[in-house]
Amino acid sequence: MLSDIERKILRILWNQYKSEWVQPDAAKICRISGRSIEELRAIIKALVRDGYVELGKGELRVIRGWEPESPPPPRWVSLD
């Protein structure tokens, strides 16, 4: 499960670049997210580790732009 900031950065990357190989504009992502470049690097490393983002030679590609959905909670609870 992603933290709130990881989810935010993932959504920014997805909305900016979709699934294309790109050289992301780190300054723009930092400005949009309100995070420093060091924080952004750590978050991208976590997204790579969790399989959401793929890194190439100076390029980045979003593999999955969202978390897998969890099953919906039950609408009723048995009192038995």
Protein backbone atom coordinates (compact mmCIF):
# COMPACT_ATOMS: atom_id res chain seq x y z
CA MET A 1 0.00 0.00 0.00
CA LEU A 2 1.33 3.39 -0.95
CA SER A 3 1.71 6.27 1.46
CA ASP A 4 -0.20 9.46 0.67
CA ILE A 5 2.86 11.23 -0.77
CA GLU A 6 3.84 8.18 -2.86
CA ARG A 7 0.31 8.07 -4.26
CA LYS A 8 0.44 11.83 -4.95
CA ILE A 9 3.76 11.60 -6.82
CA LEU A 10 2.53 8.57 -8.78
CA ARG A 11 -0.60 10.46 -9.86
CA ILE A 12 1.50 13.49 -10.86
CA LEU A 13 3.82 11.28 -12.92
CA TRP A 14 0.88 9.50 -14.54
CA ASN A 15 -0.95 12.73 -15.35
CA GLN A 16 2.19 14.37 -16.77
CA TYR A 17 3.75 11.49 -18.68
CA LYS A 18 1.31 8.52 -18.88
CA SER A 19 3.29 5.36 -19.74
CA GLU A 20 5.84 6.90 -22.13
CA TRP A 21 9.59 6.81 -21.57
CA VAL A 22 10.53 10.37 -20.64
CA GLN A 23 13.12 12.45 -18.87
CA PRO A 24 10.89 13.91 -16.16
CA ASP A 25 11.15 17.56 -15.20
CA ALA A 26 12.16 17.12 -11.56
CA ALA A 27 11.83 20.83 -10.76
CA LYS A 28 8.25 20.85 -12.06
CA ILE A 29 7.31 17.72 -10.09
CA CYS A 30 8.88 19.20 -6.94
CA ARG A 31 6.93 22.43 -7.45
CA ILE A 32 3.63 20.60 -8.00
CA SER A 33 4.11 18.22 -5.07
CA GLY A 34 5.72 20.66 -2.65
CA ARG A 35 8.62 18.25 -2.00
CA SER A 36 12.38 18.66 -2.26
CA ILE A 37 14.47 16.91 -4.91
CA GLU A 38 15.89 14.55 -2.25
CA GLU A 39 12.38 13.59 -1.10
CA LEU A 40 11.32 13.10 -4.72
CA ARG A 41 14.26 10.75 -5.38
CA ALA A 42 13.42 8.66 -2.31
CA ILE A 43 9.76 8.45 -3.31
CA ILE A 44 10.64 7.41 -6.88
CA LYS A 45 12.97 4.72 -5.51
CA ALA A 46 10.08 3.40 -3.41
CA LEU A 47 7.78 3.44 -6.47
CA VAL A 48 10.41 1.51 -8.46
CA ARG A 49 10.80 -1.01 -5.62
CA ASP A 50 7.02 -1.54 -5.48
CA GLY A 51 6.74 -1.96 -9.28
CA TYR A 52 4.83 1.22 -10.15
CA VAL A 53 7.65 2.98 -12.02
CA GLU A 54 10.50 1.74 -14.20
CA LEU A 55 13.82 3.54 -14.61
CA GLY A 56 16.08 3.50 -17.67
CA LYS A 57 19.17 5.52 -18.58
CA GLY A 58 18.05 8.92 -17.34
CA GLU A 59 14.45 8.11 -18.20
CA LEU A 60 11.38 7.06 -16.30
CA ARG A 61 8.19 5.25 -17.26
CA VAL A 62 5.06 4.71 -15.19
CA ILE A 63 4.01 1.06 -15.32
CA ARG A 64 0.87 1.34 -13.18
CA GLY A 65 -0.71 4.71 -12.49
CA TRP A 66 -2.82 3.54 -9.56
CA GLU A 67 -2.98 0.97 -6.78
CA PRO A 68 -4.86 -2.28 -7.34
CA GLU A 69 -8.35 -2.02 -5.95
CA SER A 70 -9.14 -3.80 -2.74
CA PRO A 71 -12.41 -5.67 -2.45
CA PRO A 72 -15.29 -3.49 -1.30
CA PRO A 73 -16.27 -3.75 2.36
CA PRO A 74 -19.34 -5.85 3.13
CA ARG A 75 -22.60 -3.93 3.15
CA TRP A 76 -23.96 -5.88 6.06
CA VAL A 77 -22.57 -7.81 8.99
CA SER A 78 -24.09 -11.05 10.23
CA LEU A 79 -25.08 -10.97 13.89
CA ASP A 80 -24.89 -14.76 14.27
